[in-house]
N, C-alpha and C. Protein backbone atom coordinates (compact mmCIF):
# COMPACT_ATOMS: atom_id res chain seq x y z
N UNK A 1 0.81 -1.18 0.00
CA UNK A 1 0.00 0.00 0.00
C UNK A 1 0.87 1.26 0.00
N UNK A 2 1.92 1.23 0.81
CA UNK A 2 2.82 2.37 0.88
C UNK A 2 3.48 2.61 -0.47
N UNK A 3 3.87 1.51 -1.13
CA UNK A 3 4.51 1.65 -2.45
C UNK A 3 3.52 2.24 -3.45
N UNK A 4 2.29 1.79 -3.40
CA UNK A 4 1.27 2.31 -4.31
C UNK A 4 1.03 3.79 -4.05
N UNK A 5 0.97 4.19 -2.80
CA UNK A 5 0.81 5.60 -2.43
C UNK A 5 1.98 6.44 -2.91
N UNK A 6 3.19 5.87 -2.77
CA UNK A 6 4.40 6.57 -3.23
C UNK A 6 4.38 6.77 -4.74
N UNK A 7 3.99 5.77 -5.48
CA UNK A 7 3.93 5.85 -6.95
C UNK A 7 2.88 6.89 -7.37
N UNK A 8 1.73 6.84 -6.76
CA UNK A 8 0.67 7.81 -7.08
C UNK A 8 1.12 9.23 -6.73
N UNK A 9 1.78 9.39 -5.62
CA UNK A 9 2.28 10.71 -5.21
C UNK A 9 3.30 11.25 -6.19
N UNK A 10 4.24 10.39 -6.59
CA UNK A 10 5.26 10.81 -7.56
C UNK A 10 4.60 11.17 -8.89
N UNK A 11 3.62 10.38 -9.31
CA UNK A 11 2.92 10.65 -10.58
C UNK A 11 2.19 11.99 -10.51
N UNK A 12 1.52 12.26 -9.39
CA UNK A 12 0.83 13.55 -9.24
C UNK A 12 1.82 14.71 -9.22
N UNK A 13 2.92 14.52 -8.52
CA UNK A 13 3.95 15.57 -8.46
C UNK A 13 4.51 15.85 -9.85
N UNK A 14 4.79 14.80 -10.64
CA UNK A 14 5.31 14.97 -12.01
C UNK A 14 4.29 15.68 -12.88
N UNK A 15 3.02 15.30 -12.74
CA UNK A 15 1.96 15.95 -13.52
C UNK A 15 1.86 17.44 -13.17
N UNK A 16 1.91 17.77 -11.89
CA UNK A 16 1.86 19.17 -11.45
C UNK A 16 3.07 19.95 -11.96
N UNK A 17 4.22 19.31 -11.94
CA UNK A 17 5.44 19.97 -12.42
C UNK A 17 5.34 20.26 -13.92
N UNK A 18 4.88 19.29 -14.72
CA UNK A 18 4.70 19.50 -16.16
C UNK A 18 3.67 20.60 -16.41
N UNK A 19 2.64 20.59 -15.63
CA UNK A 19 1.59 21.59 -15.75
C UNK A 19 2.14 22.98 -15.46
N UNK A 20 2.95 23.08 -14.43
CA UNK A 20 3.56 24.38 -14.07
C UNK A 20 4.53 24.84 -15.15
N UNK A 21 5.31 23.91 -15.72
CA UNK A 21 6.23 24.27 -16.79
C UNK A 21 5.47 24.73 -18.03
N UNK A 22 4.39 24.04 -18.36
CA UNK A 22 3.59 24.42 -19.52
C UNK A 22 2.96 25.80 -19.29
N UNK A 23 2.50 26.07 -18.09
CA UNK A 23 1.92 27.39 -17.79
C UNK A 23 2.99 28.48 -17.90
N UNK A 24 4.22 28.18 -17.47
CA UNK A 24 5.30 29.15 -17.58
C UNK A 24 5.62 29.45 -19.04
N UNK A 25 5.63 28.41 -19.89
CA UNK A 25 5.88 28.60 -21.33
C UNK A 25 4.77 29.45 -21.94
N UNK A 26 3.53 29.14 -21.59
CA UNK A 26 2.40 29.92 -22.12
C UNK A 26 2.46 31.37 -21.65
N UNK A 27 2.87 31.59 -20.43
CA UNK A 27 2.99 32.96 -19.90
C UNK A 27 4.09 33.72 -20.65
N UNK A 28 5.24 33.06 -20.93
CA UNK A 28 6.31 33.71 -21.69
C UNK A 28 5.84 34.04 -23.10
N UNK A 29 5.11 33.12 -23.72
CA UNK A 29 4.58 33.35 -25.07
C UNK A 29 3.62 34.53 -25.07
N UNK A 30 2.75 34.58 -24.09
CA UNK A 30 1.79 35.69 -23.98
C UNK A 30 2.53 37.01 -23.75
N UNK A 31 3.57 36.99 -22.92
CA UNK A 31 4.35 38.20 -22.66
C UNK A 31 5.05 38.67 -23.93
N UNK A 32 5.64 37.74 -24.69
CA UNK A 32 6.30 38.09 -25.95
C UNK A 32 5.31 38.68 -26.93
N UNK A 33 4.13 38.09 -27.00
CA UNK A 33 3.09 38.58 -27.89
C UNK A 33 2.65 39.99 -27.49
N UNK A 34 2.50 40.21 -26.19
CA UNK A 34 2.10 41.54 -25.70
C UNK A 34 3.17 42.58 -26.01
N UNK A 35 4.43 42.21 -25.85
CA UNK A 35 5.52 43.15 -26.16
C UNK A 35 5.55 43.47 -27.65
N UNK A 36 5.33 42.46 -28.48
CA UNK A 36 5.30 42.69 -29.93
C UNK A 36 4.16 43.62 -30.32
N UNK A 37 2.98 43.37 -29.75
CA UNK A 37 1.83 44.24 -30.03
C UNK A 37 2.07 45.66 -29.53
N UNK A 38 2.71 45.78 -28.38
CA UNK A 38 3.03 47.10 -27.83
C UNK A 38 3.99 47.84 -28.76
N UNK A 39 4.98 47.13 -29.30
CA UNK A 39 5.91 47.75 -30.25
C UNK A 39 5.22 48.18 -31.52
N UNK A 40 4.32 47.35 -32.03
CA UNK A 40 3.57 47.70 -33.23
C UNK A 40 2.68 48.92 -32.98
N UNK A 41 2.07 48.97 -31.82
CA UNK A 41 1.23 50.11 -31.47
C UNK A 41 2.06 51.39 -31.39
N UNK A 42 3.24 51.32 -30.81
CA UNK A 42 4.11 52.49 -30.73
C UNK A 42 4.54 52.95 -32.12
N UNK A 43 4.87 52.00 -33.00
CA UNK A 43 5.24 52.37 -34.37
C UNK A 43 4.06 53.01 -35.11
N UNK A 44 2.87 52.50 -34.89
CA UNK A 44 1.68 53.06 -35.54
C UNK A 44 1.42 54.47 -35.03
N UNK A 45 1.61 54.69 -33.73
CA UNK A 45 1.45 56.04 -33.18
C UNK A 45 2.46 57.01 -33.80
N UNK A 46 3.70 56.55 -33.97
CA UNK A 46 4.73 57.39 -34.59
C UNK A 46 4.36 57.71 -36.03
N UNK A 47 3.86 56.71 -36.78
CA UNK A 47 3.45 56.96 -38.16
C UNK A 47 2.30 57.96 -38.22
N UNK A 48 1.34 57.81 -37.31
CA UNK A 48 0.21 58.74 -37.27
C UNK A 48 0.67 60.16 -36.94
N UNK A 49 1.58 60.28 -35.99
CA UNK A 49 2.11 61.60 -35.61
C UNK A 49 2.87 62.23 -36.78
N UNK A 50 3.66 61.42 -37.47
CA UNK A 50 4.40 61.93 -38.63
C UNK A 50 3.43 62.37 -39.72
N UNK A 51 2.42 61.57 -39.99
CA UNK A 51 1.43 61.94 -41.01
C UNK A 51 0.71 63.23 -40.63
N UNK A 52 0.36 63.36 -39.35
CA UNK A 52 -0.31 64.57 -38.88
C UNK A 52 0.61 65.79 -39.01
N UNK A 53 1.87 65.61 -38.66
CA UNK A 53 2.83 66.72 -38.74
C UNK A 53 3.05 67.15 -40.19
N UNK A 54 3.21 66.18 -41.07
CA UNK A 54 3.39 66.50 -42.49
C UNK A 54 2.15 67.21 -43.01
N UNK A 55 0.98 66.71 -42.64
CA UNK A 55 -0.25 67.35 -43.09
C UNK A 55 -0.36 68.78 -42.56
N UNK A 56 -0.09 68.95 -41.27
CA UNK A 56 -0.25 70.26 -40.65
C UNK A 56 0.74 71.28 -41.20
N UNK A 57 1.94 70.87 -41.51
CA UNK A 57 2.95 71.84 -41.95
C UNK A 57 3.08 71.90 -43.46
N UNK A 58 3.54 70.82 -44.04
CA UNK A 58 3.86 70.85 -45.46
C UNK A 58 2.62 70.97 -46.34
N UNK A 59 1.59 70.23 -46.04
CA UNK A 59 0.40 70.28 -46.89
C UNK A 59 -0.20 71.69 -46.89
N UNK A 60 -0.24 72.31 -45.74
CA UNK A 60 -0.75 73.69 -45.68
C UNK A 60 0.11 74.66 -46.46
N UNK A 61 1.41 74.53 -46.30
CA UNK A 61 2.32 75.42 -47.03
C UNK A 61 2.22 75.20 -48.54
N UNK A 62 2.18 73.94 -48.94
CA UNK A 62 2.11 73.65 -50.38
C UNK A 62 0.77 74.06 -50.96
N UNK A 63 -0.30 73.95 -50.20
CA UNK A 63 -1.61 74.42 -50.67
C UNK A 63 -1.58 75.93 -50.86
N UNK A 64 -1.01 76.63 -49.90
CA UNK A 64 -0.87 78.08 -50.05
C UNK A 64 -0.03 78.45 -51.25
N UNK A 65 1.03 77.71 -51.46
CA UNK A 65 1.89 77.94 -52.62
C UNK A 65 1.12 77.71 -53.91
N UNK A 66 0.34 76.66 -53.95
CA UNK A 66 -0.46 76.36 -55.14
C UNK A 66 -1.47 77.47 -55.42
N UNK A 67 -2.14 77.95 -54.38
CA UNK A 67 -3.09 79.05 -54.55
C UNK A 67 -2.38 80.30 -55.05
N UNK A 68 -1.22 80.59 -54.49
CA UNK A 68 -0.47 81.78 -54.88
C UNK A 68 -0.03 81.69 -56.35
N UNK A 69 0.42 80.51 -56.78
CA UNK A 69 0.84 80.34 -58.17
C UNK A 69 -0.36 80.50 -59.10
N UNK A 70 -1.51 79.98 -58.70
CA UNK A 70 -2.73 80.18 -59.50
C UNK A 70 -3.06 81.64 -59.65
N UNK A 71 -2.91 82.39 -58.57
CA UNK A 71 -3.14 83.83 -58.63
C UNK A 71 -2.15 84.51 -59.56
N UNK A 72 -0.90 84.07 -59.51
CA UNK A 72 0.12 84.63 -60.41
C UNK A 72 -0.23 84.37 -61.88
N UNK A 73 -0.70 83.17 -62.16
CA UNK A 73 -1.09 82.85 -63.53
C UNK A 73 -2.20 83.78 -64.02
N UNK A 74 -3.20 84.00 -63.18
CA UNK A 74 -4.30 84.87 -63.57
C UNK A 74 -3.84 86.31 -63.74
N UNK A 75 -2.96 86.76 -62.85
CA UNK A 75 -2.43 88.13 -62.98
C UNK A 75 -1.63 88.27 -64.26
N UNK A 76 -0.85 87.25 -64.60
CA UNK A 76 -0.06 87.30 -65.83
C UNK A 76 -0.96 87.27 -67.05
N UNK A 77 -2.02 86.50 -67.01
CA UNK A 77 -2.95 86.43 -68.14
C UNK A 77 -3.66 87.76 -68.34
N UNK A 78 -3.96 88.45 -67.26
CA UNK A 78 -4.65 89.74 -67.35
C UNK A 78 -3.68 90.87 -67.66
N UNK A 79 -2.39 90.58 -67.62
CA UNK A 79 -1.40 91.61 -67.91
C UNK A 79 -1.14 92.56 -66.75
N UNK A 80 -1.39 92.16 -65.55
CA UNK A 80 -1.18 93.00 -64.36
C UNK A 80 0.27 92.87 -63.91
N UNK A 81 1.17 93.42 -64.69
CA UNK A 81 2.61 93.25 -64.47
C UNK A 81 3.07 93.97 -63.20
N UNK A 82 2.45 95.08 -62.85
CA UNK A 82 2.91 95.86 -61.71
C UNK A 82 2.78 95.09 -60.39
N UNK A 83 1.86 94.15 -60.32
CA UNK A 83 1.67 93.39 -59.08
C UNK A 83 2.49 92.10 -59.05
N UNK A 84 3.07 91.72 -60.15
CA UNK A 84 3.74 90.44 -60.22
C UNK A 84 4.98 90.36 -59.33
N UNK A 85 5.74 91.46 -59.20
CA UNK A 85 6.95 91.43 -58.36
C UNK A 85 6.62 91.06 -56.92
N UNK A 86 5.64 91.75 -56.35
CA UNK A 86 5.26 91.45 -54.97
C UNK A 86 4.71 90.03 -54.84
N UNK A 87 3.90 89.63 -55.79
CA UNK A 87 3.32 88.30 -55.73
C UNK A 87 4.39 87.23 -55.89
N UNK A 88 5.38 87.47 -56.72
CA UNK A 88 6.48 86.52 -56.89
C UNK A 88 7.30 86.40 -55.61
N UNK A 89 7.54 87.52 -54.93
CA UNK A 89 8.26 87.47 -53.66
C UNK A 89 7.47 86.66 -52.63
N UNK A 90 6.17 86.87 -52.59
CA UNK A 90 5.34 86.12 -51.65
C UNK A 90 5.37 84.63 -51.98
N UNK A 91 5.29 84.33 -53.27
CA UNK A 91 5.34 82.93 -53.70
C UNK A 91 6.67 82.30 -53.31
N UNK A 92 7.73 83.02 -53.53
CA UNK A 92 9.07 82.51 -53.17
C UNK A 92 9.16 82.26 -51.67
N UNK A 93 8.59 83.17 -50.88
CA UNK A 93 8.66 82.99 -49.42
C UNK A 93 7.85 81.77 -48.98
N UNK A 94 6.71 81.50 -49.64
CA UNK A 94 5.95 80.28 -49.32
C UNK A 94 6.80 79.05 -49.61
N UNK A 95 7.46 79.03 -50.77
CA UNK A 95 8.30 77.88 -51.13
C UNK A 95 9.46 77.74 -50.15
N UNK A 96 10.10 78.85 -49.79
CA UNK A 96 11.21 78.81 -48.83
C UNK A 96 10.75 78.27 -47.48
N UNK A 97 9.58 78.71 -47.03
CA UNK A 97 9.08 78.25 -45.73
C UNK A 97 8.74 76.76 -45.78
N UNK A 98 8.18 76.29 -46.90
CA UNK A 98 7.88 74.86 -47.03
C UNK A 98 9.17 74.04 -46.97
N UNK A 99 10.21 74.51 -47.64
CA UNK A 99 11.50 73.81 -47.59
C UNK A 99 12.08 73.82 -46.18
N UNK A 100 11.99 74.95 -45.50
CA UNK A 100 12.49 75.04 -44.13
C UNK A 100 11.73 74.07 -43.21
N UNK A 101 10.40 74.02 -43.37
CA UNK A 101 9.60 73.09 -42.57
C UNK A 101 10.02 71.65 -42.84
N UNK A 102 10.23 71.32 -44.11
CA UNK A 102 10.63 69.96 -44.46
C UNK A 102 12.00 69.63 -43.87
N UNK A 103 12.94 70.55 -43.96
CA UNK A 103 14.28 70.31 -43.39
C UNK A 103 14.20 70.11 -41.88
N UNK A 104 13.41 70.94 -41.21
CA UNK A 104 13.27 70.83 -39.76
C UNK A 104 12.67 69.48 -39.38
N UNK A 105 11.65 69.08 -40.10
CA UNK A 105 11.00 67.81 -39.82
C UNK A 105 11.95 66.65 -40.06
N UNK A 106 12.67 66.65 -41.17
CA UNK A 106 13.60 65.56 -41.48
C UNK A 106 14.78 65.53 -40.51
N UNK A 107 15.29 66.68 -40.13
CA UNK A 107 16.38 66.73 -39.16
C UNK A 107 15.93 66.11 -37.84
N UNK A 108 14.74 66.45 -37.41
CA UNK A 108 14.21 65.91 -36.17
C UNK A 108 14.06 64.40 -36.26
N UNK A 109 13.56 63.91 -37.39
CA UNK A 109 13.39 62.47 -37.55
C UNK A 109 14.73 61.74 -37.60
N UNK A 110 15.72 62.34 -38.25
CA UNK A 110 17.03 61.71 -38.34
C UNK A 110 17.70 61.63 -36.98
N UNK A 111 17.45 62.62 -36.14
CA UNK A 111 18.05 62.64 -34.80
C UNK A 111 17.31 61.72 -33.84
N UNK A 112 16.22 61.13 -34.32
CA UNK A 112 15.50 60.16 -33.50
C UNK A 112 14.48 60.76 -32.57
N UNK A 113 14.30 62.04 -32.61
CA UNK A 113 13.31 62.66 -31.74
C UNK A 113 11.96 62.70 -32.40
N UNK A 114 11.00 63.15 -31.65
CA UNK A 114 9.67 63.32 -32.22
C UNK A 114 9.68 64.55 -33.11
N UNK A 115 8.76 64.56 -34.03
CA UNK A 115 8.67 65.69 -34.94
C UNK A 115 8.27 66.94 -34.15
N UNK A 116 8.95 68.06 -34.39
CA UNK A 116 8.60 69.27 -33.65
C UNK A 116 7.27 69.82 -34.12
N UNK A 117 6.55 70.46 -33.23
CA UNK A 117 5.31 71.12 -33.61
C UNK A 117 5.69 72.49 -34.14
N UNK A 118 5.59 72.66 -35.45
CA UNK A 118 5.96 73.92 -36.06
C UNK A 118 4.77 74.86 -36.00
N UNK A 119 4.97 76.08 -35.50
CA UNK A 119 3.84 76.99 -35.40
C UNK A 119 3.46 77.51 -36.78
N UNK A 120 2.16 77.65 -37.05
CA UNK A 120 1.76 78.23 -38.32
C UNK A 120 2.14 79.71 -38.32
N UNK A 121 2.73 80.14 -39.39
CA UNK A 121 3.14 81.53 -39.46
C UNK A 121 3.10 81.99 -40.90
N UNK A 122 3.15 83.29 -41.07
CA UNK A 122 3.21 83.85 -42.43
C UNK A 122 4.59 83.57 -42.98
N UNK A 123 4.68 83.47 -44.29
CA UNK A 123 5.99 83.23 -44.88
C UNK A 123 6.93 84.39 -44.60
N UNK A 124 8.24 84.09 -44.45
CA UNK A 124 9.20 85.16 -44.18
C UNK A 124 9.39 86.02 -45.43
N UNK A 125 10.05 87.11 -45.22
CA UNK A 125 10.35 87.98 -46.36
C UNK A 125 9.47 89.20 -46.33
N UNK A 126 9.69 90.09 -47.29
CA UNK A 126 8.92 91.32 -47.29
C UNK A 126 7.45 91.05 -47.57
N UNK A 127 6.62 91.74 -46.85
CA UNK A 127 5.18 91.61 -47.05
C UNK A 127 4.75 92.63 -48.08
N UNK A 128 3.91 92.23 -49.01
CA UNK A 128 3.45 93.19 -50.01
C UNK A 128 2.72 94.34 -49.33
N UNK A 129 2.78 95.55 -49.92
CA UNK A 129 2.13 96.69 -49.29
C UNK A 129 0.63 96.52 -49.15
N UNK A 130 0.01 95.77 -49.99
CA UNK A 130 -1.42 95.52 -49.92
C UNK A 130 -1.72 94.23 -50.64
N UNK A 131 -2.97 93.80 -50.60
CA UNK A 131 -3.28 92.56 -51.29
C UNK A 131 -3.05 92.69 -52.79
N UNK A 132 -2.52 91.65 -53.37
CA UNK A 132 -2.33 91.61 -54.81
C UNK A 132 -3.69 91.33 -55.42
N UNK A 133 -4.02 92.05 -56.45
CA UNK A 133 -5.33 91.89 -57.07
C UNK A 133 -5.49 90.46 -57.57
N UNK A 134 -6.58 89.83 -57.17
CA UNK A 134 -6.82 88.45 -57.59
C UNK A 134 -6.15 87.43 -56.69
N UNK A 135 -5.45 87.89 -55.66
CA UNK A 135 -4.76 86.96 -54.78
C UNK A 135 -5.49 86.92 -53.44
N UNK A 136 -5.90 85.74 -53.05
CA UNK A 136 -6.64 85.63 -51.79
C UNK A 136 -5.72 85.35 -50.61
N UNK A 137 -4.41 85.24 -50.83
CA UNK A 137 -3.51 84.83 -49.76
C UNK A 137 -2.72 85.97 -49.13
N UNK A 138 -2.47 87.04 -49.87
CA UNK A 138 -1.54 88.06 -49.37
C UNK A 138 -1.98 88.67 -48.06
N UNK A 139 -3.27 88.91 -47.89
CA UNK A 139 -3.72 89.52 -46.65
C UNK A 139 -4.43 88.54 -45.74
N UNK A 140 -4.36 87.27 -46.05
CA UNK A 140 -5.12 86.26 -45.30
C UNK A 140 -4.48 85.99 -43.95
N UNK A 141 -5.34 85.69 -43.00
CA UNK A 141 -4.90 85.29 -41.67
C UNK A 141 -4.46 83.82 -41.71
N UNK A 142 -3.59 83.40 -40.79
CA UNK A 142 -3.14 81.99 -40.79
C UNK A 142 -4.30 81.00 -40.70
N UNK A 143 -5.35 81.32 -39.95
CA UNK A 143 -6.49 80.40 -39.85
C UNK A 143 -7.17 80.24 -41.20
N UNK A 144 -7.28 81.32 -41.95
CA UNK A 144 -7.89 81.25 -43.27
C UNK A 144 -7.02 80.44 -44.22
N UNK A 145 -5.71 80.60 -44.10
CA UNK A 145 -4.80 79.81 -44.95
C UNK A 145 -4.93 78.33 -44.64
N UNK A 146 -4.99 77.97 -43.35
CA UNK A 146 -5.14 76.56 -43.00
C UNK A 146 -6.48 76.00 -43.51
N UNK A 147 -7.54 76.79 -43.38
CA UNK A 147 -8.85 76.35 -43.85
C UNK A 147 -8.83 76.15 -45.37
N UNK A 148 -8.21 77.08 -46.10
CA UNK A 148 -8.11 76.94 -47.56
C UNK A 148 -7.30 75.69 -47.91
N UNK A 149 -6.24 75.44 -47.18
CA UNK A 149 -5.44 74.25 -47.42
C UNK A 149 -6.23 72.98 -47.19
N UNK A 150 -7.02 72.94 -46.10
CA UNK A 150 -7.84 71.76 -45.82
C UNK A 150 -8.87 71.53 -46.92
N UNK A 151 -9.48 72.63 -47.39
CA UNK A 151 -10.48 72.50 -48.45
C UNK A 151 -9.84 71.95 -49.71
N UNK A 152 -8.67 72.45 -50.04
CA UNK A 152 -7.99 71.97 -51.24
C UNK A 152 -7.58 70.51 -51.12
N UNK A 153 -7.14 70.11 -49.95
CA UNK A 153 -6.70 68.74 -49.76
C UNK A 153 -7.86 67.75 -49.84
N UNK A 154 -9.05 68.19 -49.45
CA UNK A 154 -10.22 67.30 -49.50
C UNK A 154 -10.80 67.21 -50.90
N UNK A 155 -10.53 68.19 -51.75
CA UNK A 155 -11.11 68.21 -53.10
C UNK A 155 -10.53 67.13 -53.97
């Protein structure tokens, strides 16, 4: 009887030990899976932040540039040469600001940091004395420029 009890006890102990080892393996697998999902989630957040930053900075600047160039085309077609110098300077400043935003964003990404939040601002350079005829951007407020950019991007 004692031998039978000993055999049954050893069998139960071995079964419990295998069960504990299997549970430990399953726990490690679950932990690895959770870490992998956490890493994927972090990468997705970074991609979303980058997409938002590119949209907020570059897309707005390029939309403004596109609107300004359209205005230049219409001014040139109408023969309004006197306004073209100021409008060309404004157009150049939009392009320069878009390039500066892109360089800042890429430098930040190369250094491994998060993309900086670039404040919306008017393009640098001399401001035209008044609105250029046919140009909706020269006297526009930054909020109006962002709204125009969003409208253009959705079209």
